Amino acid sequence: MARALQFIAANSHRPINCDDVAKSLNIHARTLQRRFSSVVDWPISDEIRRVRIERAKRELDQSKRSIAEIAQAVGFGSRMRLYDAFRHEVGVTPMAYRKQRRLI
């Protein structure tokens, strides 16, 4: 699973999914999903989203790029996809997160 996590970390800014991770490891996607879920207790798609959100957080903290530019750079593709995922995972919008972090 370490290799799967490394692949996700290195490629999360690209449009990847479970099949891409499985291909990089030369195993079937279902086998990977089963093993991954048994080790980390959540699906690969959640891990990809988590890594992307962590990248977005760093970008929001460290840059002045627009939300749309950050969404593209971290692999969400669109501002709205980042907005929805970020709000679901973090509990605030990307802009609210940026404002909160700037006050710290």
PDB file of N, CA and C in Angstrom:
ATOM      1  N   MET A   1       0.801  -1.190   0.000  1.00  0.00           N
ATOM      2  CA  MET A   1       0.000   0.000   0.000  1.00  0.00           C
ATOM      3  C   MET A   1       0.854   1.270   0.000  1.00  0.00           C
ATOM      4  N   ALA A   2       2.067   1.140   0.470  1.00  0.00           N
ATOM      5  CA  ALA A   2       2.960   2.302   0.462  1.00  0.00           C
ATOM      6  C   ALA A   2       3.184   2.794  -0.959  1.00  0.00           C
ATOM      7  N   ARG A   3       3.337   1.869  -1.904  1.00  0.00           N
ATOM      8  CA  ARG A   3       3.534   2.275  -3.300  1.00  0.00           C
ATOM      9  C   ARG A   3       2.295   2.959  -3.851  1.00  0.00           C
ATOM     10  N   ALA A   4       1.123   2.493  -3.457  1.00  0.00           N
ATOM     11  CA  ALA A   4      -0.125   3.128  -3.896  1.00  0.00           C
ATOM     12  C   ALA A   4      -0.202   4.552  -3.350  1.00  0.00           C
ATOM     13  N   LEU A   5       0.135   4.734  -2.083  1.00  0.00           N
ATOM     14  CA  LEU A   5       0.112   6.062  -1.477  1.00  0.00           C
ATOM     15  C   LEU A   5       1.137   6.979  -2.124  1.00  0.00           C
ATOM     16  N   GLN A   6       2.299   6.445  -2.466  1.00  0.00           N
ATOM     17  CA  GLN A   6       3.323   7.239  -3.147  1.00  0.00           C
ATOM     18  C   GLN A   6       2.833   7.682  -4.524  1.00  0.00           C
ATOM     19  N   PHE A   7       2.202   6.767  -5.257  1.00  0.00           N
ATOM     20  CA  PHE A   7       1.675   7.104  -6.583  1.00  0.00           C
ATOM     21  C   PHE A   7       0.628   8.211  -6.472  1.00  0.00           C
ATOM     22  N   ILE A   8      -0.263   8.078  -5.504  1.00  0.00           N
ATOM     23  CA  ILE A   8      -1.309   9.086  -5.319  1.00  0.00           C
ATOM     24  C   ILE A   8      -0.687  10.439  -4.990  1.00  0.00           C
ATOM     25  N   ALA A   9       0.262  10.456  -4.081  1.00  0.00           N
ATOM     26  CA  ALA A   9       0.908  11.718  -3.697  1.00  0.00           C
ATOM     27  C   ALA A   9       1.617  12.366  -4.878  1.00  0.00           C
ATOM     28  N   ALA A  10       2.256  11.555  -5.700  1.00  0.00           N
ATOM     29  CA  ALA A  10       3.020  12.093  -6.832  1.00  0.00           C
ATOM     30  C   ALA A  10       2.142  12.509  -8.005  1.00  0.00           C
ATOM     31  N   ASN A  11       0.931  11.961  -8.086  1.00  0.00           N
ATOM     32  CA  ASN A  11       0.101  12.188  -9.274  1.00  0.00           C
ATOM     33  C   ASN A  11      -1.278  12.772  -8.984  1.00  0.00           C
ATOM     34  N   SER A  12      -1.543  13.172  -7.761  1.00  0.00           N
ATOM     35  CA  SER A  12      -2.889  13.641  -7.414  1.00  0.00           C
ATOM     36  C   SER A  12      -3.291  14.906  -8.161  1.00  0.00           C
ATOM     37  N   HIS A  13      -2.333  15.639  -8.686  1.00  0.00           N
ATOM     38  CA  HIS A  13      -2.650  16.848  -9.450  1.00  0.00           C
ATOM     39  C   HIS A  13      -3.150  16.510 -10.856  1.00  0.00           C
ATOM     40  N   ARG A  14      -3.035  15.261 -11.234  1.00  0.00           N
ATOM     41  CA  ARG A  14      -3.536  14.786 -12.531  1.00  0.00           C
ATOM     42  C   ARG A  14      -4.915  14.159 -12.350  1.00  0.00           C
ATOM     43  N   PRO A  15      -5.635  13.956 -13.440  1.00  0.00           N
ATOM     44  CA  PRO A  15      -6.950  13.298 -13.317  1.00  0.00           C
ATOM     45  C   PRO A  15      -6.785  11.789 -13.167  1.00  0.00           C
ATOM     46  N   ILE A  16      -6.483  11.320 -11.955  1.00  0.00           N
ATOM     47  CA  ILE A  16      -6.275   9.893 -11.706  1.00  0.00           C
ATOM     48  C   ILE A  16      -7.458   9.311 -10.952  1.00  0.00           C
ATOM     49  N   ASN A  17      -7.564   7.988 -11.039  1.00  0.00           N
ATOM     50  CA  ASN A  17      -8.585   7.262 -10.287  1.00  0.00           C
ATOM     51  C   ASN A  17      -8.002   5.920  -9.854  1.00  0.00           C
ATOM     52  N   CYS A  18      -8.820   5.081  -9.289  1.00  0.00           N
ATOM     53  CA  CYS A  18      -8.372   3.786  -8.779  1.00  0.00           C
ATOM     54  C   CYS A  18      -7.727   2.932  -9.868  1.00  0.00           C
ATOM     55  N   ASP A  19      -8.290   2.948 -11.058  1.00  0.00           N
ATOM     56  CA  ASP A  19      -7.729   2.162 -12.156  1.00  0.00           C
ATOM     57  C   ASP A  19      -6.301   2.581 -12.478  1.00  0.00           C
ATOM     58  N   ASP A  20      -6.034   3.869 -12.440  1.00  0.00           N
ATOM     59  CA  ASP A  20      -4.684   4.368 -12.717  1.00  0.00           C
ATOM     60  C   ASP A  20      -3.697   3.906 -11.651  1.00  0.00           C
ATOM     61  N   VAL A  21      -4.124   3.948 -10.402  1.00  0.00           N
ATOM     62  CA  VAL A  21      -3.258   3.494  -9.310  1.00  0.00           C
ATOM     63  C   VAL A  21      -2.992   2.005  -9.470  1.00  0.00           C
ATOM     64  N   ALA A  22      -4.034   1.234  -9.761  1.00  0.00           N
ATOM     65  CA  ALA A  22      -3.883  -0.212  -9.940  1.00  0.00           C
ATOM     66  C   ALA A  22      -2.941  -0.539 -11.096  1.00  0.00           C
ATOM     67  N   LYS A  23      -3.095   0.159 -12.210  1.00  0.00           N
ATOM     68  CA  LYS A  23      -2.212  -0.073 -13.356  1.00  0.00           C
ATOM     69  C   LYS A  23      -0.759   0.200 -12.996  1.00  0.00           C
ATOM     70  N   SER A  24      -0.521   1.234 -12.206  1.00  0.00           N
ATOM     71  CA  SER A  24       0.857   1.565 -11.828  1.00  0.00           C
ATOM     72  C   SER A  24       1.481   0.478 -10.961  1.00  0.00           C
ATOM     73  N   LEU A  25       0.638  -0.308 -10.296  1.00  0.00           N
ATOM     74  CA  LEU A  25       1.111  -1.385  -9.428  1.00  0.00           C
ATOM     75  C   LEU A  25       0.980  -2.766 -10.059  1.00  0.00           C
ATOM     76  N   ASN A  26       0.442  -2.805 -11.285  1.00  0.00           N
ATOM     77  CA  ASN A  26       0.235  -4.064 -12.011  1.00  0.00           C
ATOM     78  C   ASN A  26      -0.655  -5.053 -11.256  1.00  0.00           C
ATOM     79  N   ILE A  27      -1.760  -4.529 -10.683  1.00  0.00           N
ATOM     80  CA  ILE A  27      -2.751  -5.397 -10.055  1.00  0.00           C
ATOM     81  C   ILE A  27      -4.139  -4.947 -10.504  1.00  0.00           C
ATOM     82  N   HIS A  28      -5.122  -5.795 -10.256  1.00  0.00           N
ATOM     83  CA  HIS A  28      -6.492  -5.454 -10.619  1.00  0.00           C
ATOM     84  C   HIS A  28      -7.027  -4.390  -9.666  1.00  0.00           C
ATOM     85  N   ALA A  29      -7.871  -3.527 -10.190  1.00  0.00           N
ATOM     86  CA  ALA A  29      -8.419  -2.423  -9.404  1.00  0.00           C
ATOM     87  C   ALA A  29      -9.195  -2.941  -8.196  1.00  0.00           C
ATOM     88  N   ARG A  30      -9.963  -3.982  -8.372  1.00  0.00           N
ATOM     89  CA  ARG A  30     -10.764  -4.521  -7.252  1.00  0.00           C
ATOM     90  C   ARG A  30      -9.862  -5.054  -6.147  1.00  0.00           C
ATOM     91  N   THR A  31      -8.793  -5.721  -6.524  1.00  0.00           N
ATOM     92  CA  THR A  31      -7.834  -6.233  -5.534  1.00  0.00           C
ATOM     93  C   THR A  31      -7.214  -5.068  -4.771  1.00  0.00           C
ATOM     94  N   LEU A  32      -6.826  -4.044  -5.493  1.00  0.00           N
ATOM     95  CA  LEU A  32      -6.243  -2.863  -4.854  1.00  0.00           C
ATOM     96  C   LEU A  32      -7.239  -2.220  -3.901  1.00  0.00           C
ATOM     97  N   GLN A  33      -8.472  -2.052  -4.344  1.00  0.00           N
ATOM     98  CA  GLN A  33      -9.484  -1.426  -3.491  1.00  0.00           C
ATOM     99  C   GLN A  33      -9.692  -2.227  -2.207  1.00  0.00           C
ATOM    100  N   ARG A  34      -9.753  -3.527  -2.322  1.00  0.00           N
ATOM    101  CA  ARG A  34      -9.969  -4.387  -1.159  1.00  0.00           C
ATOM    102  C   ARG A  34      -8.793  -4.275  -0.183  1.00  0.00           C
ATOM    103  N   ARG A  35      -7.578  -4.366  -0.709  1.00  0.00           N
ATOM    104  CA  ARG A  35      -6.388  -4.262   0.150  1.00  0.00           C
ATOM    105  C   ARG A  35      -6.275  -2.882   0.774  1.00  0.00           C
ATOM    106  N   PHE A  36      -6.510  -1.876  -0.032  1.00  0.00           N
ATOM    107  CA  PHE A  36      -6.387  -0.497   0.448  1.00  0.00           C
ATOM    108  C   PHE A  36      -7.370  -0.241   1.576  1.00  0.00           C
ATOM    109  N   SER A  37      -8.614  -0.621   1.383  1.00  0.00           N
ATOM    110  CA  SER A  37      -9.645  -0.401   2.392  1.00  0.00           C
ATOM    111  C   SER A  37      -9.355  -1.168   3.675  1.00  0.00           C
ATOM    112  N   SER A  38      -8.754  -2.336   3.563  1.00  0.00           N
ATOM    113  CA  SER A  38      -8.452  -3.110   4.770  1.00  0.00           C
ATOM    114  C   SER A  38      -7.294  -2.496   5.556  1.00  0.00           C
ATOM    115  N   VAL A  39      -6.395  -1.791   4.876  1.00  0.00           N
ATOM    116  CA  VAL A  39      -5.236  -1.196   5.547  1.00  0.00           C
ATOM    117  C   VAL A  39      -5.559   0.181   6.108  1.00  0.00           C
ATOM    118  N   VAL A  40      -6.135   1.058   5.291  1.00  0.00           N
ATOM    119  CA  VAL A  40      -6.368   2.435   5.733  1.00  0.00           C
ATOM    120  C   VAL A  40      -7.819   2.730   6.089  1.00  0.00           C
ATOM    121  N   ASP A  41      -8.710   1.799   5.852  1.00  0.00           N
ATOM    122  CA  ASP A  41     -10.106   1.900   6.275  1.00  0.00           C
ATOM    123  C   ASP A  41     -10.930   2.928   5.505  1.00  0.00           C
ATOM    124  N   TRP A  42     -10.479   3.329   4.304  1.00  0.00           N
ATOM    125  CA  TRP A  42     -11.291   4.163   3.420  1.00  0.00           C
ATOM    126  C   TRP A  42     -10.889   3.874   1.979  1.00  0.00           C
ATOM    127  N   PRO A  43     -11.755   4.172   1.033  1.00  0.00           N
ATOM    128  CA  PRO A  43     -11.464   3.856  -0.375  1.00  0.00           C
ATOM    129  C   PRO A  43     -10.394   4.765  -0.986  1.00  0.00           C
ATOM    130  N   ILE A  44      -9.829   4.296  -2.075  1.00  0.00           N
ATOM    131  CA  ILE A  44      -8.784   5.041  -2.776  1.00  0.00           C
ATOM    132  C   ILE A  44      -9.285   6.405  -3.226  1.00  0.00           C
ATOM    133  N   SER A  45     -10.510   6.481  -3.687  1.00  0.00           N
ATOM    134  CA  SER A  45     -11.033   7.774  -4.150  1.00  0.00           C
ATOM    135  C   SER A  45     -11.025   8.800  -3.020  1.00  0.00           C
ATOM    136  N   ASP A  46     -11.300   8.360  -1.801  1.00  0.00           N
ATOM    137  CA  ASP A  46     -11.242   9.276  -0.657  1.00  0.00           C
ATOM    138  C   ASP A  46      -9.814   9.726  -0.390  1.00  0.00           C
ATOM    139  N   GLU A  47      -8.860   8.827  -0.569  1.00  0.00           N
ATOM    140  CA  GLU A  47      -7.451   9.188  -0.360  1.00  0.00           C
ATOM    141  C   GLU A  47      -6.988  10.197  -1.406  1.00  0.00           C
ATOM    142  N   ILE A  48      -7.389   9.991  -2.651  1.00  0.00           N
ATOM    143  CA  ILE A  48      -7.033  10.943  -3.710  1.00  0.00           C
ATOM    144  C   ILE A  48      -7.617  12.317  -3.387  1.00  0.00           C
ATOM    145  N   ARG A  49      -8.878  12.346  -2.984  1.00  0.00           N
ATOM    146  CA  ARG A  49      -9.518  13.617  -2.625  1.00  0.00           C
ATOM    147  C   ARG A  49      -8.828  14.255  -1.414  1.00  0.00           C
ATOM    148  N   ARG A  50      -8.475  13.461  -0.417  1.00  0.00           N
ATOM    149  CA  ARG A  50      -7.808  13.976   0.778  1.00  0.00           C
ATOM    150  C   ARG A  50      -6.469  14.626   0.422  1.00  0.00           C
ATOM    151  N   VAL A  51      -5.691  13.955  -0.434  1.00  0.00           N
ATOM    152  CA  VAL A  51      -4.396  14.499  -0.842  1.00  0.00           C
ATOM    153  C   VAL A  51      -4.583  15.795  -1.620  1.00  0.00           C
ATOM    154  N   ARG A  52      -5.570  15.823  -2.496  1.00  0.00           N
ATOM    155  CA  ARG A  52      -5.845  17.049  -3.260  1.00  0.00           C
ATOM    156  C   ARG A  52      -6.256  18.198  -2.351  1.00  0.00           C
ATOM    157  N   ILE A  53      -7.057  17.911  -1.359  1.00  0.00           N
ATOM    158  CA  ILE A  53      -7.484  18.955  -0.435  1.00  0.00           C
ATOM    159  C   ILE A  53      -6.306  19.465   0.383  1.00  0.00           C
ATOM    160  N   GLU A  54      -5.416  18.583   0.797  1.00  0.00           N
ATOM    161  CA  GLU A  54      -4.226  19.022   1.528  1.00  0.00           C
ATOM    162  C   GLU A  54      -3.352  19.920   0.653  1.00  0.00           C
ATOM    163  N   ARG A  55      -3.229  19.582  -0.618  1.00  0.00           N
ATOM    164  CA  ARG A  55      -2.489  20.452  -1.543  1.00  0.00           C
ATOM    165  C   ARG A  55      -3.182  21.801  -1.688  1.00  0.00           C
ATOM    166  N   ALA A  56      -4.504  21.762  -1.786  1.00  0.00           N
ATOM    167  CA  ALA A  56      -5.266  23.010  -1.909  1.00  0.00           C
ATOM    168  C   ALA A  56      -5.084  23.869  -0.668  1.00  0.00           C
ATOM    169  N   LYS A  57      -5.080  23.257   0.503  1.00  0.00           N
ATOM    170  CA  LYS A  57      -4.858  24.013   1.740  1.00  0.00           C
ATOM    171  C   LYS A  57      -3.506  24.720   1.706  1.00  0.00           C
ATOM    172  N   ARG A  58      -2.474  24.002   1.294  1.00  0.00           N
ATOM    173  CA  ARG A  58      -1.145  24.614   1.214  1.00  0.00           C
ATOM    174  C   ARG A  58      -1.142  25.776   0.235  1.00  0.00           C
ATOM    175  N   GLU A  59      -1.779  25.579  -0.910  1.00  0.00           N
ATOM    176  CA  GLU A  59      -1.854  26.657  -1.905  1.00  0.00           C
ATOM    177  C   GLU A  59      -2.620  27.860  -1.360  1.00  0.00           C
ATOM    178  N   LEU A  60      -3.709  27.618  -0.682  1.00  0.00           N
ATOM    179  CA  LEU A  60      -4.496  28.707  -0.116  1.00  0.00           C
ATOM    180  C   LEU A  60      -3.700  29.468   0.937  1.00  0.00           C
ATOM    181  N   ASP A  61      -2.884  28.752   1.699  1.00  0.00           N
ATOM    182  CA  ASP A  61      -2.041  29.372   2.731  1.00  0.00           C
ATOM    183  C   ASP A  61      -0.880  30.155   2.139  1.00  0.00           C
ATOM    184  N   GLN A  62      -0.265  29.601   1.107  1.00  0.00           N
ATOM    185  CA  GLN A  62       1.031  30.100   0.666  1.00  0.00           C
ATOM    186  C   GLN A  62       1.017  30.921  -0.614  1.00  0.00           C
ATOM    187  N   SER A  63      -0.102  30.974  -1.310  1.00  0.00           N
ATOM    188  CA  SER A  63      -0.106  31.706  -2.572  1.00  0.00           C
ATOM    189  C   SER A  63      -1.288  32.668  -2.647  1.00  0.00           C
ATOM    190  N   LYS A  64      -1.240  33.501  -3.641  1.00  0.00           N
ATOM    191  CA  LYS A  64      -2.342  34.430  -3.897  1.00  0.00           C
ATOM    192  C   LYS A  64      -3.111  34.018  -5.151  1.00  0.00           C
ATOM    193  N   ARG A  65      -2.877  32.805  -5.616  1.00  0.00           N
ATOM    194  CA  ARG A  65      -3.565  32.317  -6.812  1.00  0.00           C
ATOM    195  C   ARG A  65      -5.068  32.277  -6.577  1.00  0.00           C
ATOM    196  N   SER A  66      -5.807  32.384  -7.667  1.00  0.00           N
ATOM    197  CA  SER A  66      -7.264  32.331  -7.559  1.00  0.00           C
ATOM    198  C   SER A  66      -7.704  30.896  -7.225  1.00  0.00           C
ATOM    199  N   ILE A  67      -8.925  30.786  -6.749  1.00  0.00           N
ATOM    200  CA  ILE A  67      -9.483  29.475  -6.411  1.00  0.00           C
ATOM    201  C   ILE A  67      -9.528  28.598  -7.661  1.00  0.00           C
ATOM    202  N   ALA A  68      -9.881  29.167  -8.797  1.00  0.00           N
ATOM    203  CA  ALA A  68      -9.936  28.406 -10.051  1.00  0.00           C
ATOM    204  C   ALA A  68      -8.553  27.886 -10.434  1.00  0.00           C
ATOM    205  N   GLU A  69      -7.521  28.715 -10.272  1.00  0.00           N
ATOM    206  CA  GLU A  69      -6.155  28.280 -10.590  1.00  0.00           C
ATOM    207  C   GLU A  69      -5.709  27.175  -9.650  1.00  0.00           C
ATOM    208  N   ILE A  70      -6.044  27.304  -8.377  1.00  0.00           N
ATOM    209  CA  ILE A  70      -5.687  26.266  -7.404  1.00  0.00           C
ATOM    210  C   ILE A  70      -6.418  24.972  -7.722  1.00  0.00           C
ATOM    211  N   ALA A  71      -7.684  25.068  -8.070  1.00  0.00           N
ATOM    212  CA  ALA A  71      -8.465  23.874  -8.417  1.00  0.00           C
ATOM    213  C   ALA A  71      -7.800  23.108  -9.556  1.00  0.00           C
ATOM    214  N   GLN A  72      -7.369  23.815 -10.590  1.00  0.00           N
ATOM    215  CA  GLN A  72      -6.674  23.178 -11.716  1.00  0.00           C
ATOM    216  C   GLN A  72      -5.349  22.575 -11.273  1.00  0.00           C
ATOM    217  N   ALA A  73      -4.592  23.319 -10.479  1.00  0.00           N
ATOM    218  CA  ALA A  73      -3.248  22.898 -10.079  1.00  0.00           C
ATOM    219  C   ALA A  73      -3.246  21.654  -9.193  1.00  0.00           C
ATOM    220  N   VAL A  74      -4.274  21.489  -8.379  1.00  0.00           N
ATOM    221  CA  VAL A  74      -4.293  20.350  -7.456  1.00  0.00           C
ATOM    222  C   VAL A  74      -5.097  19.157  -7.970  1.00  0.00           C
ATOM    223  N   GLY A  75      -5.710  19.290  -9.149  1.00  0.00           N
ATOM    224  CA  GLY A  75      -6.359  18.140  -9.769  1.00  0.00           C
ATOM    225  C   GLY A  75      -7.870  18.081  -9.693  1.00  0.00           C
ATOM    226  N   PHE A  76      -8.513  19.121  -9.190  1.00  0.00           N
ATOM    227  CA  PHE A  76      -9.974  19.096  -9.140  1.00  0.00           C
ATOM    228  C   PHE A  76     -10.608  19.468 -10.468  1.00  0.00           C
ATOM    229  N   GLY A  77      -9.894  20.183 -11.292  1.00  0.00           N
ATOM    230  CA  GLY A  77     -10.401  20.512 -12.616  1.00  0.00           C
ATOM    231  C   GLY A  77     -11.223  21.779 -12.687  1.00  0.00           C
ATOM    232  N   SER A  78     -12.114  21.971 -11.733  1.00  0.00           N
ATOM    233  CA  SER A  78     -12.933  23.183 -11.752  1.00  0.00           C
ATOM    234  C   SER A  78     -13.050  23.757 -10.344  1.00  0.00           C
ATOM    235  N   ARG A  79     -13.348  25.024 -10.319  1.00  0.00           N
ATOM    236  CA  ARG A  79     -13.519  25.721  -9.048  1.00  0.00           C
ATOM    237  C   ARG A  79     -14.658  25.102  -8.239  1.00  0.00           C
ATOM    238  N   MET A  80     -15.740  24.748  -8.889  1.00  0.00           N
ATOM    239  CA  MET A  80     -16.901  24.193  -8.185  1.00  0.00           C
ATOM    240  C   MET A  80     -16.620  22.817  -7.593  1.00  0.00           C
ATOM    241  N   ARG A  81     -15.853  22.001  -8.292  1.00  0.00           N
ATOM    242  CA  ARG A  81     -15.505  20.684  -7.738  1.00  0.00           C
ATOM    243  C   ARG A  81     -14.640  20.842  -6.500  1.00  0.00           C
ATOM    244  N   LEU A  82     -13.684  21.779  -6.549  1.00  0.00           N
ATOM    245  CA  LEU A  82     -12.872  22.065  -5.367  1.00  0.00           C
ATOM    246  C   LEU A  82     -13.756  22.593  -4.243  1.00  0.00           C
ATOM    247  N   TYR A  83     -14.605  23.537  -4.565  1.00  0.00           N
ATOM    248  CA  TYR A  83     -15.503  24.144  -3.576  1.00  0.00           C
ATOM    249  C   TYR A  83     -16.327  23.066  -2.869  1.00  0.00           C
ATOM    250  N   ASP A  84     -16.964  22.192  -3.633  1.00  0.00           N
ATOM    251  CA  ASP A  84     -17.821  21.150  -3.050  1.00  0.00           C
ATOM    252  C   ASP A  84     -17.023  20.191  -2.171  1.00  0.00           C
ATOM    253  N   ALA A  85     -15.908  19.695  -2.678  1.00  0.00           N
ATOM    254  CA  ALA A  85     -15.094  18.740  -1.920  1.00  0.00           C
ATOM    255  C   ALA A  85     -14.506  19.394  -0.674  1.00  0.00           C
ATOM    256  N   PHE A  86     -14.026  20.615  -0.827  1.00  0.00           N
ATOM    257  CA  PHE A  86     -13.401  21.328   0.289  1.00  0.00           C
ATOM    258  C   PHE A  86     -14.422  21.588   1.395  1.00  0.00           C
ATOM    259  N   ARG A  87     -15.567  22.066   1.003  1.00  0.00           N
ATOM    260  CA  ARG A  87     -16.613  22.355   1.987  1.00  0.00           C
ATOM    261  C   ARG A  87     -17.059  21.085   2.703  1.00  0.00           C
ATOM    262  N   HIS A  88     -17.163  19.998   1.974  1.00  0.00           N
ATOM    263  CA  HIS A  88     -17.566  18.716   2.560  1.00  0.00           C
ATOM    264  C   HIS A  88     -16.508  18.210   3.541  1.00  0.00           C
ATOM    265  N   GLU A  89     -15.241  18.275   3.172  1.00  0.00           N
ATOM    266  CA  GLU A  89     -14.160  17.738   4.003  1.00  0.00           C
ATOM    267  C   GLU A  89     -13.738  18.674   5.135  1.00  0.00           C
ATOM    268  N   VAL A  90     -13.623  19.958   4.848  1.00  0.00           N
ATOM    269  CA  VAL A  90     -13.060  20.912   5.806  1.00  0.00           C
ATOM    270  C   VAL A  90     -14.150  21.640   6.590  1.00  0.00           C
ATOM    271  N   GLY A  91     -15.329  21.758   6.001  1.00  0.00           N
ATOM    272  CA  GLY A  91     -16.432  22.402   6.687  1.00  0.00           C
ATOM    273  C   GLY A  91     -16.594  23.879   6.375  1.00  0.00           C
ATOM    274  N   VAL A  92     -15.673  24.424   5.582  1.00  0.00           N
ATOM    275  CA  VAL A  92     -15.766  25.820   5.143  1.00  0.00           C
ATOM    276  C   VAL A  92     -15.391  25.880   3.670  1.00  0.00           C
ATOM    277  N   THR A  93     -15.700  26.986   3.038  1.00  0.00           N
ATOM    278  CA  THR A  93     -15.327  27.156   1.635  1.00  0.00           C
ATOM    279  C   THR A  93     -13.827  27.447   1.540  1.00  0.00           C
ATOM    280  N   PRO A  94     -13.238  27.245   0.373  1.00  0.00           N
ATOM    281  CA  PRO A  94     -11.819  27.579   0.211  1.00  0.00           C
ATOM    282  C   PRO A  94     -11.507  29.034   0.548  1.00  0.00           C
ATOM    283  N   MET A  95     -12.368  29.961   0.147  1.00  0.00           N
ATOM    284  CA  MET A  95     -12.125  31.373   0.430  1.00  0.00           C
ATOM    285  C   MET A  95     -12.211  31.649   1.932  1.00  0.00           C
ATOM    286  N   ALA A  96     -13.176  31.060   2.614  1.00  0.00           N
ATOM    287  CA  ALA A  96     -13.283  31.239   4.063  1.00  0.00           C
ATOM    288  C   ALA A  96     -12.063  30.653   4.759  1.00  0.00           C
ATOM    289  N   TYR A  97     -11.583  29.520   4.286  1.00  0.00           N
ATOM    290  CA  TYR A  97     -10.374  28.911   4.846  1.00  0.00           C
ATOM    291  C   TYR A  97      -9.181  29.851   4.681  1.00  0.00           C
ATOM    292  N   ARG A  98      -9.045  30.404   3.493  1.00  0.00           N
ATOM    293  CA  ARG A  98      -7.932  31.332   3.227  1.00  0.00           C
ATOM    294  C   ARG A  98      -8.010  32.534   4.170  1.00  0.00           C
ATOM    295  N   LYS A  99      -9.196  33.092   4.326  1.00  0.00           N
ATOM    296  CA  LYS A  99      -9.352  34.253   5.206  1.00  0.00           C
ATOM    297  C   LYS A  99      -9.027  33.904   6.654  1.00  0.00           C
ATOM    298  N   GLN A 100      -9.484  32.736   7.116  1.00  0.00           N
ATOM    299  CA  GLN A 100      -9.183  32.300   8.475  1.00  0.00           C
ATOM    300  C   GLN A 100      -7.678  32.144   8.684  1.00  0.00           C
ATOM    301  N   ARG A 101      -7.011  31.546   7.719  1.00  0.00           N
ATOM    302  CA  ARG A 101      -5.565  31.294   7.841  1.00  0.00           C
ATOM    303  C   ARG A 101      -4.760  32.579   7.786  1.00  0.00           C
ATOM    304  N   ARG A 102      -5.242  33.552   7.069  1.00  0.00           N
ATOM    305  CA  ARG A 102      -4.524  34.835   6.977  1.00  0.00           C
ATOM    306  C   ARG A 102      -4.593  35.609   8.291  1.00  0.00           C
ATOM    307  N   LEU A 103      -5.604  35.302   9.117  1.00  0.00           N
ATOM    308  CA  LEU A 103      -5.752  35.987  10.389  1.00  0.00           C
ATOM    309  C   LEU A 103      -4.858  35.389  11.472  1.00  0.00           C
ATOM    310  N   ILE A 104      -4.344  34.197  11.219  1.00  0.00           N
ATOM    311  CA  ILE A 104      -3.504  33.498  12.214  1.00  0.00           C
ATOM    312  C   ILE A 104      -2.108  34.079  12.221  1.00  0.00           C
TER     313      ILE A 104
END
